[in-house]
Amino acid sequence: MKKKLTNYLFFIFSFYTILVGAQKDYKGRVVDATTKEPLAYVNIGIQEAGIGTVSDEEGLFHMYLEQDKFRTDEQIIFSSLGYETLYIPISEIQLVYNDYPEIALKPKLFELNEIVVSNKGERFIPDNVGYRNYGVKNYGYWKDNIALGGELATRIVVKSGLRKLNNFEFEVWHNPSDSLLLRVNIYDDNGGSNKPGINLNTSSKNILTTVKTDDKMVKVDLRPFDIYVMNDFIISLELLKIYGDEELGLVLLASLNQFGSYRKYASQDNWESLSDTNMAYYVQSELMVSEKLAQRFERKKEKKKKKQRTVSGFVIMKGKMISGVSVLNNRTKADTISDDGGRYIIPADKGDILTFSKEGYKDFSFEITDKITQNVVLRLK
């Protein structure tokens, strides 16, 4: 009888321990206050506390929280593009065991973007900005101490003037995870403090990209989001989800430029200066200039094109031409894709190294010689 009683008390104690432990799990479901649809990737956290997370695709979230370690007037912040920020005092939150309390965010009132009309004969020309890594051993990385919502940002120094952002590129050195879901954020430089300010993405749509294990150069199309800047800006990568069982260990290439990089460890955390060195973040953009400057740019571009040496050939596997193969010049970072007939053509000089990659195939690299044609044979993984 004594043994049964001991087992019973042990069971009660164990259950109580699990229940108390579960009560430190603050959880809920974030929805649109109007439609009641779930809201994915909402930033949730306590400012300056280093405690935060993001909601998943179904609006669900979990956040470890010890209420007694915070003042009752401290708040949990919920923020998302296109919605009003919600502040909930810690004293008012619900800690429940087997339910997900609903948390509703109100949509922001839609505002028309400012329309600029000019009769000065101006137009946009390509003007790419940002930084590359040209073989130097500079890195920035995330490890397992970065929570969901953690960000790694770099300041992009540009010429003043109206600029449209078209594409964003970053370089991956190492990624042990099956894949990572990241969000691209673009911020004002906060009025000269150089740290990230307001988010310049006014489209109310998240800029998402997935980084797979073998990805080296990742490109993100910014054109659907209509993002314009006038001066320097800050661009960041934010961790949203880790796929697979491997711990986070994303290593990104950095550059030799020294305008500043910043980091936050969790959602809603404060920014901190990370280094004077910049991440190798590169943005293809267009700058509005006078017609005179635009014509001068086109003449220079045409002269350069005539002088540029190119290398071309076919990508082959078992006698068949392979389309959609990514080709990267590792020195200049110029890239292209093999066409429907498997043919590629890319600017390259003697000594440059080209890398060919496509999902399902082994990467292949070779060094350019005096030849201007070079066929490449790929093999399946």
Protein backbone atom coordinates (compact mmCIF):
# COMPACT_ATOMS: atom_id res chain seq x y z
CA MET A 1 0.00 0.00 0.00
CA LYS A 2 2.84 2.32 0.89
CA LYS A 3 4.47 1.66 -2.50
CA LYS A 4 1.21 2.46 -4.32
CA LEU A 5 0.84 5.68 -2.34
CA THR A 6 4.42 6.65 -3.14
CA ASN A 7 3.85 6.02 -6.85
CA TYR A 8 0.62 8.00 -6.71
CA LEU A 9 2.32 10.96 -5.02
CA PHE A 10 5.18 10.75 -7.51
CA PHE A 11 2.66 10.87 -10.36
CA ILE A 12 0.89 13.90 -8.83
CA PHE A 13 4.20 15.68 -8.27
CA SER A 14 5.38 14.92 -11.83
CA PHE A 15 2.13 16.13 -13.33
CA TYR A 16 2.28 19.30 -11.23
CA THR A 17 5.89 19.91 -12.35
CA ILE A 18 4.93 19.50 -16.01
CA LEU A 19 1.94 21.80 -15.54
CA VAL A 20 3.99 24.49 -13.83
CA GLY A 21 6.68 24.18 -16.49
CA ALA A 22 4.06 24.50 -19.20
CA GLN A 23 2.75 27.69 -17.59
CA LYS A 24 6.06 29.35 -18.53
CA ASP A 25 5.17 28.68 -22.16
CA TYR A 26 3.37 31.83 -23.31
CA LYS A 27 1.50 30.88 -26.43
CA GLY A 28 -1.30 32.09 -28.64
CA ARG A 29 -2.66 32.51 -32.13
CA VAL A 30 -2.30 35.85 -33.93
CA VAL A 31 -5.12 36.75 -36.31
CA ASP A 32 -6.39 39.64 -38.40
CA ALA A 33 -8.94 41.51 -36.27
CA THR A 34 -11.27 41.93 -39.26
CA THR A 35 -11.07 38.66 -41.18
CA LYS A 36 -9.93 36.38 -38.31
CA GLU A 37 -7.40 34.86 -40.73
CA PRO A 38 -4.12 33.73 -39.10
CA LEU A 39 -1.15 36.09 -39.42
CA ALA A 40 2.22 34.49 -40.20
CA TYR A 41 5.64 35.80 -39.13
CA VAL A 42 4.42 38.41 -36.65
CA ASN A 43 7.25 39.75 -34.46
CA ILE A 44 6.55 39.03 -30.77
CA GLY A 45 8.77 39.92 -27.83
CA ILE A 46 9.76 42.16 -24.93
CA GLN A 47 11.95 45.13 -25.81
CA GLU A 48 15.49 45.06 -24.40
CA ALA A 49 14.87 41.65 -22.80
CA GLY A 50 16.36 39.43 -25.52
CA ILE A 51 13.18 37.34 -25.40
CA GLY A 52 11.18 37.04 -28.59
CA THR A 53 9.87 34.89 -31.41
CA VAL A 54 7.70 35.00 -34.55
CA SER A 55 4.36 33.35 -35.31
CA ASP A 56 4.31 30.42 -37.72
CA GLU A 57 2.29 29.96 -40.92
CA GLU A 58 -0.87 29.29 -38.87
CA GLY A 59 -0.37 32.32 -36.63
CA LEU A 60 0.71 30.15 -33.68
CA PHE A 61 3.60 31.05 -31.40
CA HIS A 62 5.38 29.83 -28.25
CA MET A 63 7.61 32.00 -26.04
CA TYR A 64 9.29 30.97 -22.78
CA LEU A 65 8.30 33.56 -20.20
CA GLU A 66 8.89 33.84 -16.43
CA GLN A 67 6.43 36.53 -15.39
CA ASP A 68 7.94 37.09 -11.95
CA LYS A 69 11.19 38.33 -13.53
CA PHE A 70 9.49 41.35 -15.15
CA ARG A 71 7.74 44.43 -13.85
CA THR A 72 3.97 44.24 -14.20
CA ASP A 73 3.97 47.36 -16.39
CA GLU A 74 6.39 45.86 -18.94
CA GLN A 75 4.77 44.89 -22.22
CA ILE A 76 4.85 42.21 -24.87
CA ILE A 77 4.95 43.78 -28.33
CA PHE A 78 3.21 42.35 -31.42
CA SER A 79 4.10 43.98 -34.75
CA SER A 80 3.60 43.07 -38.39
CA LEU A 81 3.75 44.83 -41.75
CA GLY A 82 0.40 46.42 -42.56
CA TYR A 83 -0.94 46.20 -38.99
CA GLU A 84 -1.07 48.45 -35.95
CA THR A 85 1.43 47.49 -33.25
CA LEU A 86 -0.19 45.88 -30.21
CA TYR A 87 1.14 46.22 -26.66
CA ILE A 88 -0.05 43.80 -23.95
CA PRO A 89 1.10 44.37 -20.32
CA ILE A 90 2.70 41.28 -18.85
CA SER A 91 0.20 41.47 -15.99
CA GLU A 92 -2.65 40.91 -18.45
CA ILE A 93 -1.37 38.00 -20.51
CA GLN A 94 -3.01 34.59 -20.34
CA LEU A 95 -0.85 31.58 -19.54
CA VAL A 96 -2.91 28.52 -20.38
CA TYR A 97 -2.07 24.84 -20.54
CA ASN A 98 -3.99 23.39 -23.48
CA ASP A 99 -5.27 26.29 -25.58
CA TYR A 100 -4.02 29.07 -27.87
CA PRO A 101 -5.69 32.37 -26.86
CA GLU A 102 -6.52 34.57 -29.84
CA ILE A 103 -4.60 37.82 -30.27
CA ALA A 104 -6.05 40.16 -32.89
CA LEU A 105 -4.09 42.82 -34.80
CA LYS A 106 -5.91 45.68 -36.49
CA PRO A 107 -5.01 46.46 -40.13
CA LYS A 108 -3.50 49.89 -40.72
CA LEU A 109 -5.45 52.33 -42.81
CA PHE A 110 -4.25 52.17 -46.41
CA GLU A 111 -2.15 55.18 -47.42
CA LEU A 112 -1.28 56.11 -50.99
CA ASN A 113 2.43 56.49 -51.69
CA GLU A 114 3.59 59.97 -52.61
CA ILE A 115 3.59 60.52 -56.38
CA VAL A 116 6.40 62.68 -57.77
CA VAL A 117 5.86 64.43 -61.12
CA SER A 118 8.87 65.97 -62.87
CA ASN A 119 9.37 67.81 -66.17
CA LYS A 120 13.17 67.85 -65.93
CA GLY A 121 13.70 65.06 -68.45
CA GLU A 122 14.95 62.63 -65.82
CA ARG A 123 14.98 58.84 -66.04
CA PHE A 124 16.31 55.79 -64.23
CA ILE A 125 19.66 54.17 -65.02
CA PRO A 126 21.21 51.03 -63.45
CA ASP A 127 23.28 51.88 -60.38
CA ASN A 128 24.17 48.87 -58.27
CA VAL A 129 25.16 49.43 -54.65
CA GLY A 130 26.40 47.43 -51.67
CA TYR A 131 29.36 45.17 -51.07
CA ARG A 132 30.98 41.98 -52.41
CA ASN A 133 33.40 39.48 -50.99
CA TYR A 134 36.33 38.98 -53.37
CA GLY A 135 37.96 36.02 -51.67
CA VAL A 136 38.85 37.60 -48.31
CA LYS A 137 38.21 35.59 -45.14
CA ASN A 138 35.58 37.88 -43.65
CA TYR A 139 32.37 36.41 -42.25
CA GLY A 140 29.24 37.18 -40.30
CA TYR A 141 27.28 34.37 -38.74
CA TRP A 142 24.28 33.22 -36.73
CA LYS A 143 24.61 30.49 -34.12
CA ASP A 144 22.10 28.74 -31.90
CA ASN A 145 21.89 31.73 -29.53
CA ILE A 146 19.94 33.68 -32.17
CA ALA A 147 16.19 33.31 -31.57
CA LEU A 148 13.44 33.57 -34.16
CA GLY A 149 13.18 37.20 -35.19
CA GLY A 150 16.93 37.75 -34.80
CA GLU A 151 18.45 39.93 -37.55
CA LEU A 152 21.81 40.63 -39.16
CA ALA A 153 21.94 44.03 -40.90
CA THR A 154 24.36 46.20 -42.91
CA ARG A 155 24.34 49.87 -43.84
CA ILE A 156 24.38 50.53 -47.60
CA VAL A 157 26.03 53.82 -48.54
CA VAL A 158 24.67 55.38 -51.76
CA LYS A 159 24.54 58.58 -53.78
CA SER A 160 21.62 60.82 -52.83
CA GLY A 161 18.65 60.75 -55.17
CA LEU A 162 15.51 58.77 -55.90
CA ARG A 163 16.47 55.11 -56.16
CA LYS A 164 14.38 51.99 -56.84
CA LEU A 165 15.60 48.71 -55.33
CA ASN A 166 15.24 45.79 -57.78
CA ASN A 167 17.21 42.79 -56.49
CA PHE A 168 19.09 41.82 -53.36
CA GLU A 169 21.96 39.31 -53.24
CA PHE A 170 23.94 37.77 -50.39
CA GLU A 171 26.60 35.07 -50.25
CA VAL A 172 26.46 31.93 -48.09
CA TRP A 173 29.68 30.31 -46.87
CA HIS A 174 28.12 27.57 -44.73
CA ASN A 175 24.61 26.38 -43.81
CA PRO A 176 24.21 23.05 -41.97
CA SER A 177 20.40 23.27 -41.86
CA ASP A 178 18.19 21.55 -44.43
CA SER A 179 16.93 25.04 -45.19
CA LEU A 180 16.20 28.34 -43.48
CA LEU A 181 13.31 30.72 -44.02
CA LEU A 182 14.48 34.34 -43.89
CA ARG A 183 12.78 37.71 -44.22
CA VAL A 184 14.47 40.66 -45.92
CA ASN A 185 13.90 43.97 -44.15
CA ILE A 186 14.90 47.37 -45.50
CA TYR A 187 15.20 50.24 -43.03
CA ASP A 188 15.82 53.97 -42.97
CA ASP A 189 19.20 54.80 -41.40
CA ASN A 190 17.33 56.49 -38.53
CA GLY A 191 18.24 60.11 -39.15
CA GLY A 192 22.01 59.79 -38.88
CA SER A 193 22.34 57.37 -35.93
CA ASN A 194 23.24 54.73 -38.57
CA LYS A 195 21.20 52.07 -36.77
CA PRO A 196 18.03 50.69 -38.38
CA GLY A 197 15.04 53.02 -38.21
CA ILE A 198 11.59 52.62 -39.77
CA ASN A 199 10.89 49.76 -42.18
CA LEU A 200 10.75 51.13 -45.74
CA ASN A 201 8.72 48.20 -47.07
CA THR A 202 5.27 49.80 -47.27
CA SER A 203 3.75 47.06 -49.43
CA SER A 204 2.36 45.17 -46.38
CA LYS A 205 3.86 42.02 -47.94
CA ASN A 206 6.74 40.08 -46.42
CA ILE A 207 9.91 39.70 -48.49
CA LEU A 208 10.70 36.03 -47.94
CA THR A 209 13.51 33.80 -49.17
CA THR A 210 14.57 30.23 -48.42
CA VAL A 211 18.25 29.31 -48.07
CA LYS A 212 18.99 25.66 -48.83
CA THR A 213 22.02 23.67 -47.71
CA ASP A 214 23.92 23.98 -51.00
CA ASP A 215 23.04 27.59 -51.82
CA LYS A 216 26.03 29.88 -52.38
CA MET A 217 24.66 33.05 -53.96
CA VAL A 218 21.07 33.86 -52.97
CA LYS A 219 19.01 36.35 -54.97
CA VAL A 220 15.79 38.00 -53.87
CA ASP A 221 13.51 39.86 -56.29
CA LEU A 222 12.49 43.19 -54.70
CA ARG A 223 10.59 44.59 -57.68
CA PRO A 224 7.11 43.39 -56.61
CA PHE A 225 7.44 45.45 -53.41
CA ASP A 226 8.07 48.89 -55.02
CA ILE A 227 10.74 50.01 -52.56
CA TYR A 228 12.30 53.44 -53.12
CA VAL A 229 14.99 55.21 -51.08
CA MET A 230 16.48 58.70 -51.23
CA ASN A 231 19.69 58.23 -49.21
CA ASP A 232 21.68 55.59 -47.33
CA PHE A 233 19.62 52.65 -46.08
CA ILE A 234 20.06 49.51 -43.99
CA ILE A 235 19.16 46.02 -45.20
CA SER A 236 18.82 42.98 -42.96
CA LEU A 237 18.14 39.26 -42.96
CA GLU A 238 15.74 38.03 -40.26
CA LEU A 239 15.46 34.41 -39.10
CA LEU A 240 11.88 33.06 -39.32
CA LYS A 241 12.15 29.27 -39.39
CA ILE A 242 14.72 26.45 -39.25
CA TYR A 243 13.96 23.24 -41.14
CA GLY A 244 15.59 19.95 -40.15
CA ASP A 245 17.28 18.74 -36.96
CA GLU A 246 20.64 20.51 -37.33
CA GLU A 247 21.40 23.46 -35.06
CA LEU A 248 21.55 26.92 -36.56
CA GLY A 249 25.00 27.73 -37.94
CA LEU A 250 24.52 30.05 -40.91
CA VAL A 251 27.77 31.73 -42.02
CA LEU A 252 27.56 34.60 -44.53
CA LEU A 253 30.41 36.28 -46.36
CA ALA A 254 31.38 39.83 -45.38
CA SER A 255 33.35 42.52 -47.19
CA LEU A 256 36.25 44.88 -46.47
CA ASN A 257 34.05 47.99 -46.52
CA GLN A 258 33.60 49.64 -43.15
CA PHE A 259 30.28 51.45 -42.83
CA GLY A 260 28.72 49.27 -40.12
CA SER A 261 26.81 46.09 -39.37
CA TYR A 262 24.20 45.54 -36.67
CA ARG A 263 22.50 42.64 -34.92
CA LYS A 264 19.52 41.86 -32.74
CA TYR A 265 19.29 38.51 -30.94
CA ALA A 266 15.52 38.10 -30.90
CA SER A 267 12.28 39.57 -32.13
CA GLN A 268 11.55 43.06 -30.66
CA ASP A 269 15.06 43.19 -29.14
CA ASN A 270 17.22 46.31 -29.36
CA TRP A 271 19.79 46.71 -32.12
CA GLU A 272 23.47 46.60 -31.22
CA SER A 273 26.51 47.53 -33.28
CA LEU A 274 28.19 44.34 -34.42
CA SER A 275 31.22 45.56 -36.39
CA ASP A 276 32.53 48.30 -38.65
CA THR A 277 32.83 45.64 -41.36
CA ASN A 278 29.93 45.23 -43.78
CA MET A 279 28.19 42.03 -44.77
CA ALA A 280 28.50 41.14 -48.47
CA TYR A 281 25.00 42.44 -49.21
CA TYR A 282 24.58 43.67 -52.77
CA VAL A 283 21.59 45.50 -54.28
CA GLN A 284 20.79 45.94 -57.96
CA SER A 285 19.04 49.28 -58.19
CA GLU A 286 18.13 52.14 -60.51
CA LEU A 287 18.95 55.79 -59.84
CA MET A 288 17.00 58.69 -61.31
CA VAL A 289 19.35 61.10 -63.15
CA SER A 290 19.11 63.85 -65.76
CA GLU A 291 18.76 62.92 -69.42
CA LYS A 292 22.28 64.23 -70.04
CA LEU A 293 23.79 61.90 -67.43
CA ALA A 294 21.69 58.99 -68.71
CA GLN A 295 23.03 59.40 -72.25
CA ARG A 296 26.61 59.63 -70.96
CA PHE A 297 26.08 56.41 -69.00
CA GLU A 298 24.77 54.58 -72.08
CA ARG A 299 27.79 55.62 -74.17
CA LYS A 300 30.20 54.32 -71.50
CA LYS A 301 28.23 51.10 -71.20
CA GLU A 302 28.39 50.48 -74.96
CA LYS A 303 32.17 51.05 -75.05
CA LYS A 304 32.70 48.69 -72.14
CA LYS A 305 30.52 46.04 -73.78
CA LYS A 306 32.64 46.08 -76.93
CA LYS A 307 35.84 45.58 -74.90
CA GLN A 308 34.44 42.90 -72.59
CA ARG A 309 35.77 39.37 -73.12
CA THR A 310 33.17 36.62 -72.80
CA VAL A 311 33.29 32.85 -72.44
CA SER A 312 30.53 30.61 -73.74
CA GLY A 313 29.66 26.95 -74.17
CA PHE A 314 27.10 24.25 -73.42
CA VAL A 315 26.20 22.50 -70.16
CA ILE A 316 25.80 18.77 -70.79
CA MET A 317 24.81 15.64 -68.88
CA LYS A 318 24.89 12.24 -70.64
CA GLY A 319 24.77 13.86 -74.06
CA LYS A 320 21.78 16.09 -73.23
CA MET A 321 21.90 19.87 -72.92
CA ILE A 322 20.86 21.16 -69.49
CA SER A 323 18.89 24.39 -69.14
CA GLY A 324 18.50 26.49 -65.99
CA VAL A 325 22.05 25.95 -64.73
CA SER A 326 23.38 28.87 -62.66
CA VAL A 327 26.81 30.09 -63.76
CA LEU A 328 28.80 32.36 -61.42
CA ASN A 329 32.07 34.19 -62.00
CA ASN A 330 33.61 33.95 -58.53
CA ARG A 331 35.83 37.01 -59.01
CA THR A 332 33.46 39.54 -60.56
CA LYS A 333 30.23 37.97 -59.20
CA ALA A 334 28.74 38.22 -62.70
CA ASP A 335 26.25 35.45 -63.26
CA THR A 336 23.93 33.96 -65.83
CA ILE A 337 21.72 30.90 -66.48
CA SER A 338 22.03 28.38 -69.28
CA ASP A 339 19.22 28.80 -71.83
CA ASP A 340 16.71 26.25 -73.15
CA GLY A 341 19.42 24.78 -75.39
CA GLY A 342 21.90 24.47 -72.50
CA ARG A 343 24.06 27.36 -73.78
CA TYR A 344 25.66 29.91 -71.47
CA ILE A 345 27.63 33.09 -72.12
CA ILE A 346 29.28 35.13 -69.38
CA PRO A 347 31.90 37.93 -69.10
CA ALA A 348 35.17 36.43 -67.88
CA ASP A 349 38.93 36.98 -68.11
CA LYS A 350 41.80 34.53 -67.98
CA GLY A 351 42.24 33.26 -64.43
CA ASP A 352 38.60 33.76 -63.42
CA ILE A 353 36.86 30.76 -61.88
CA LEU A 354 33.37 29.82 -63.04
CA THR A 355 31.04 27.70 -60.89
CA PHE A 356 28.09 25.79 -62.38
CA SER A 357 25.28 24.70 -60.08
CA LYS A 358 21.76 23.31 -60.27
CA GLU A 359 19.65 21.47 -57.73
CA GLY A 360 20.13 17.72 -58.05
CA TYR A 361 23.57 18.06 -59.68
CA LYS A 362 27.07 18.27 -58.23
CA ASP A 363 28.64 21.73 -58.44
CA PHE A 364 31.42 22.05 -61.00
CA SER A 365 34.11 24.74 -61.21
CA PHE A 366 36.95 25.46 -63.62
CA GLU A 367 39.50 28.20 -64.26
CA ILE A 368 39.32 30.24 -67.47
CA THR A 369 42.28 29.80 -69.83
CA ASP A 370 42.91 31.39 -73.24
CA LYS A 371 39.89 29.53 -74.65
CA ILE A 372 36.72 31.53 -75.25
CA THR A 373 34.54 28.41 -75.56
CA GLN A 374 34.26 25.73 -72.89
CA ASN A 375 31.65 22.99 -72.59
CA VAL A 376 30.85 21.67 -69.11
CA VAL A 377 29.72 18.18 -68.09
CA LEU A 378 27.64 17.94 -64.91
CA ARG A 379 26.95 14.82 -62.85
CA LEU A 380 23.99 13.88 -60.69
CA LYS A 381 24.46 13.91 -56.92
